[in-house]
């Protein structure tokens, strides 16, 4: 099985759709699955949104922290 169920390259989406696509993709994960978010800047504000709306439901692990590319593994907890 692949390490990530979904890979989202955020710069490919228009700004008004980015977070919608990310949260919809996360919500479709089964417990124990993970998605990969690739972005061109630190997605820290997105993490704050996750903490506000899905506290205790996710894990957040930076796999690459810039300066040009940020890769974050976002997992759905059991």
Protein backbone atom coordinates (compact mmCIF):
# COMPACT_ATOMS: atom_id res chain seq x y z
CA UNK A 1 0.00 0.00 0.00
CA UNK A 2 1.20 3.51 -0.73
CA UNK A 3 2.31 5.70 2.15
CA UNK A 4 -0.24 8.37 1.19
CA UNK A 5 -3.83 7.90 0.10
CA UNK A 6 -3.87 11.36 -1.47
CA UNK A 7 -1.23 13.85 -2.59
CA UNK A 8 -2.32 17.47 -2.81
CA UNK A 9 -0.13 20.01 -4.58
CA UNK A 10 -1.69 23.16 -3.17
CA UNK A 11 -0.17 25.64 -5.67
CA UNK A 12 -2.14 23.91 -8.43
CA UNK A 13 -5.47 25.04 -6.93
CA UNK A 14 -6.98 28.52 -7.00
CA UNK A 15 -6.75 30.23 -3.59
CA UNK A 16 -10.48 30.02 -2.90
CA UNK A 17 -10.43 26.21 -3.32
CA UNK A 18 -7.20 25.18 -1.56
CA UNK A 19 -8.47 24.70 1.98
CA UNK A 20 -11.76 23.22 0.79
CA UNK A 21 -9.93 20.54 -1.21
CA UNK A 22 -7.52 19.83 1.64
CA UNK A 23 -10.25 19.43 4.27
CA UNK A 24 -12.45 17.33 1.98
CA UNK A 25 -9.50 15.06 1.24
CA UNK A 26 -8.69 14.74 4.93
CA UNK A 27 -12.31 13.93 5.78
CA UNK A 28 -12.25 11.07 3.25
CA UNK A 29 -9.27 9.40 4.94
CA UNK A 30 -9.90 6.32 7.02
CA UNK A 31 -8.36 6.22 10.50
CA UNK A 32 -4.68 5.39 10.15
CA UNK A 33 -4.40 6.75 6.61
CA UNK A 34 -2.42 9.83 5.64
CA UNK A 35 -2.25 12.41 2.90
CA UNK A 36 0.68 14.45 1.63
CA UNK A 37 0.37 18.20 1.29
CA UNK A 38 2.92 19.92 -0.94
CA UNK A 39 3.03 23.71 -0.74
CA UNK A 40 5.24 26.62 -1.72
CA UNK A 41 5.10 28.22 1.76
CA UNK A 42 4.75 27.06 5.35
CA UNK A 43 1.11 25.98 5.78
CA UNK A 44 1.06 27.01 9.45
CA UNK A 45 -2.32 28.86 9.14
CA UNK A 46 -3.82 25.64 7.77
CA UNK A 47 -2.54 23.77 10.82
CA UNK A 48 -4.29 26.31 13.05
CA UNK A 49 -7.51 25.62 11.13
CA UNK A 50 -7.06 21.90 11.64
CA UNK A 51 -6.52 22.49 15.37
CA UNK A 52 -9.67 24.63 15.54
CA UNK A 53 -11.95 22.32 13.56
CA UNK A 54 -10.47 18.82 13.95
CA UNK A 55 -8.63 18.89 17.25
CA UNK A 56 -7.45 15.44 18.31
CA UNK A 57 -8.30 13.92 14.92
CA UNK A 58 -5.07 14.52 12.99
CA UNK A 59 -1.30 14.24 13.06
CA UNK A 60 0.99 16.77 11.38
CA UNK A 61 4.54 15.91 10.36
CA UNK A 62 6.84 18.10 8.29
CA UNK A 63 8.79 15.99 5.82
CA UNK A 64 10.40 19.04 4.19
CA UNK A 65 10.46 22.59 5.55
CA UNK A 66 11.39 24.93 2.72
CA UNK A 67 12.60 27.31 1.85
CA UNK A 68 10.88 26.69 -1.51
CA UNK A 69 8.94 23.49 -0.88
CA UNK A 70 7.04 22.39 2.18
CA UNK A 71 5.84 18.78 2.41
CA UNK A 72 3.55 17.82 5.27
CA UNK A 73 2.20 14.39 6.13
CA UNK A 74 -1.29 14.83 7.57
CA UNK A 75 -2.67 11.69 9.15
CA UNK A 76 -6.10 10.77 10.45
CA UNK A 77 -5.88 9.39 13.96
CA UNK A 78 -7.74 6.29 15.14
